[in-house]
């Protein structure tokens, strides 16, 4: 089972394509449906982008 997405993973983002590679849902096979899985991945993506933005603004 892969590790879930960590907030510290924002450091690995260099370009937009990296988000798809970094965002991992460790419960991918256990989600109720594709919509729930996509919703969770969007959440992870938003969290990473917020953290990246806050670090850039420093």
N, C-alpha and C. Protein backbone atom coordinates (compact mmCIF):
# COMPACT_ATOMS: atom_id res chain seq x y z
N UNK A 1 0.84 -1.16 0.00
CA UNK A 1 0.00 0.00 0.00
C UNK A 1 0.90 1.24 0.00
N UNK A 2 0.66 2.18 -0.94
CA UNK A 2 1.49 3.39 -0.97
C UNK A 2 1.18 4.31 0.21
N UNK A 3 2.15 5.14 0.52
CA UNK A 3 1.93 6.14 1.57
C UNK A 3 0.92 7.15 1.07
N UNK A 4 0.16 7.71 1.98
CA UNK A 4 -0.77 8.75 1.59
C UNK A 4 0.00 10.04 1.32
N UNK A 5 -0.65 10.98 0.72
CA UNK A 5 -0.04 12.26 0.41
C UNK A 5 0.27 13.01 1.71
N UNK A 6 1.48 13.49 1.83
CA UNK A 6 1.91 14.25 3.00
C UNK A 6 2.00 15.72 2.64
N UNK A 7 1.75 16.59 3.61
CA UNK A 7 1.84 18.03 3.36
C UNK A 7 3.27 18.41 2.98
N UNK A 8 4.25 17.74 3.54
CA UNK A 8 5.64 18.04 3.23
C UNK A 8 6.00 17.74 1.78
N UNK A 9 5.15 17.00 1.09
CA UNK A 9 5.39 16.68 -0.32
C UNK A 9 5.34 17.90 -1.21
N UNK A 10 4.87 19.04 -0.69
CA UNK A 10 4.82 20.25 -1.51
C UNK A 10 6.22 20.63 -1.99
N UNK A 11 7.23 20.19 -1.27
CA UNK A 11 8.62 20.50 -1.65
C UNK A 11 9.02 19.82 -2.95
N UNK A 12 8.31 18.77 -3.33
CA UNK A 12 8.62 18.03 -4.55
C UNK A 12 7.97 18.63 -5.79
N UNK A 13 7.16 19.66 -5.62
CA UNK A 13 6.43 20.26 -6.73
C UNK A 13 7.33 21.27 -7.43
N UNK A 14 7.61 21.01 -8.70
CA UNK A 14 8.39 21.95 -9.50
C UNK A 14 7.55 22.51 -10.64
N UNK A 15 6.62 21.70 -11.16
CA UNK A 15 5.71 22.16 -12.21
C UNK A 15 4.36 21.49 -11.98
N UNK A 16 3.35 21.95 -12.69
CA UNK A 16 1.97 21.51 -12.45
C UNK A 16 1.80 20.00 -12.62
N UNK A 17 2.51 19.39 -13.54
CA UNK A 17 2.39 17.95 -13.77
C UNK A 17 2.82 17.13 -12.56
N UNK A 18 3.64 17.70 -11.71
CA UNK A 18 4.12 16.98 -10.53
C UNK A 18 2.98 16.68 -9.54
N UNK A 19 1.93 17.49 -9.56
CA UNK A 19 0.81 17.25 -8.64
C UNK A 19 0.19 15.88 -8.85
N UNK A 20 -0.02 15.51 -10.12
CA UNK A 20 -0.63 14.21 -10.41
C UNK A 20 0.25 13.06 -9.94
N UNK A 21 1.55 13.26 -10.02
CA UNK A 21 2.49 12.22 -9.59
C UNK A 21 2.55 12.13 -8.07
N UNK A 22 2.46 13.25 -7.40
CA UNK A 22 2.62 13.31 -5.95
C UNK A 22 1.36 12.87 -5.20
N UNK A 23 0.20 13.29 -5.70
CA UNK A 23 -1.05 13.01 -4.99
C UNK A 23 -1.38 11.52 -5.11
N UNK A 24 -1.39 10.85 -3.96
CA UNK A 24 -1.68 9.41 -3.92
C UNK A 24 -2.76 9.17 -2.89
N UNK A 25 -3.70 8.35 -3.25
CA UNK A 25 -4.76 7.95 -2.33
C UNK A 25 -4.49 6.51 -1.94
N UNK A 26 -4.07 6.29 -0.71
CA UNK A 26 -3.71 4.93 -0.31
C UNK A 26 -4.92 4.01 -0.20
N UNK A 27 -6.13 4.57 -0.17
CA UNK A 27 -7.34 3.76 -0.08
C UNK A 27 -8.06 3.68 -1.42
N UNK A 28 -7.34 3.80 -2.51
CA UNK A 28 -7.94 3.88 -3.84
C UNK A 28 -8.91 2.74 -4.12
N UNK A 29 -8.62 1.55 -3.68
CA UNK A 29 -9.51 0.42 -3.93
C UNK A 29 -10.67 0.33 -2.96
N UNK A 30 -10.65 1.13 -1.90
CA UNK A 30 -11.67 1.03 -0.86
C UNK A 30 -12.68 2.17 -0.91
N UNK A 31 -12.51 3.12 -1.82
CA UNK A 31 -13.46 4.23 -1.94
C UNK A 31 -14.78 3.71 -2.49
N UNK A 32 -15.85 4.37 -2.14
CA UNK A 32 -17.18 3.94 -2.54
C UNK A 32 -17.36 4.00 -4.06
N UNK A 33 -16.82 5.02 -4.68
CA UNK A 33 -16.94 5.13 -6.13
C UNK A 33 -15.88 6.10 -6.66
N UNK A 34 -15.84 6.26 -7.99
CA UNK A 34 -14.82 7.11 -8.61
C UNK A 34 -14.98 8.56 -8.20
N UNK A 35 -16.21 8.99 -8.00
CA UNK A 35 -16.45 10.38 -7.61
C UNK A 35 -15.81 10.69 -6.26
N UNK A 36 -15.95 9.78 -5.31
CA UNK A 36 -15.36 9.98 -3.98
C UNK A 36 -13.83 10.00 -4.07
N UNK A 37 -13.28 9.14 -4.90
CA UNK A 37 -11.83 9.10 -5.09
C UNK A 37 -11.33 10.41 -5.69
N UNK A 38 -12.02 10.90 -6.69
CA UNK A 38 -11.64 12.17 -7.32
C UNK A 38 -11.76 13.32 -6.33
N UNK A 39 -12.80 13.29 -5.51
CA UNK A 39 -13.00 14.33 -4.50
C UNK A 39 -11.85 14.35 -3.50
N UNK A 40 -11.42 13.19 -3.05
CA UNK A 40 -10.33 13.08 -2.10
C UNK A 40 -9.02 13.58 -2.73
N UNK A 41 -8.78 13.22 -3.99
CA UNK A 41 -7.56 13.66 -4.66
C UNK A 41 -7.56 15.17 -4.86
N UNK A 42 -8.73 15.76 -5.15
CA UNK A 42 -8.82 17.22 -5.26
C UNK A 42 -8.48 17.86 -3.93
N UNK A 43 -8.94 17.25 -2.85
CA UNK A 43 -8.64 17.77 -1.52
C UNK A 43 -7.12 17.77 -1.28
N UNK A 44 -6.47 16.66 -1.57
CA UNK A 44 -5.03 16.56 -1.38
C UNK A 44 -4.32 17.62 -2.22
N UNK A 45 -4.77 17.81 -3.46
CA UNK A 45 -4.16 18.78 -4.36
C UNK A 45 -4.31 20.19 -3.80
N UNK A 46 -5.49 20.54 -3.31
CA UNK A 46 -5.72 21.86 -2.75
C UNK A 46 -4.84 22.12 -1.53
N UNK A 47 -4.70 21.12 -0.68
CA UNK A 47 -3.86 21.26 0.51
C UNK A 47 -2.41 21.53 0.12
N UNK A 48 -1.91 20.77 -0.84
CA UNK A 48 -0.53 20.96 -1.30
C UNK A 48 -0.33 22.34 -1.92
N UNK A 49 -1.29 22.78 -2.72
CA UNK A 49 -1.17 24.08 -3.36
C UNK A 49 -1.22 25.21 -2.34
N UNK A 50 -2.08 25.09 -1.32
CA UNK A 50 -2.13 26.10 -0.27
C UNK A 50 -0.80 26.20 0.47
N UNK A 51 -0.23 25.06 0.79
CA UNK A 51 1.06 25.03 1.50
C UNK A 51 2.16 25.62 0.62
N UNK A 52 2.18 25.25 -0.66
CA UNK A 52 3.18 25.78 -1.59
C UNK A 52 3.04 27.29 -1.70
N UNK A 53 1.82 27.79 -1.80
CA UNK A 53 1.59 29.23 -1.90
C UNK A 53 2.08 29.95 -0.65
N UNK A 54 1.78 29.39 0.51
CA UNK A 54 2.20 30.05 1.77
C UNK A 54 3.73 30.07 1.90
N UNK A 55 4.40 29.04 1.41
CA UNK A 55 5.86 29.00 1.48
C UNK A 55 6.48 29.97 0.48
N UNK A 56 5.86 30.14 -0.66
CA UNK A 56 6.39 31.05 -1.67
C UNK A 56 6.25 32.49 -1.19
N UNK A 57 5.15 32.80 -0.52
CA UNK A 57 4.89 34.16 -0.05
C UNK A 57 5.79 34.59 1.09
N UNK A 58 6.47 33.69 1.70
CA UNK A 58 7.37 34.03 2.82
C UNK A 58 8.54 34.82 2.37
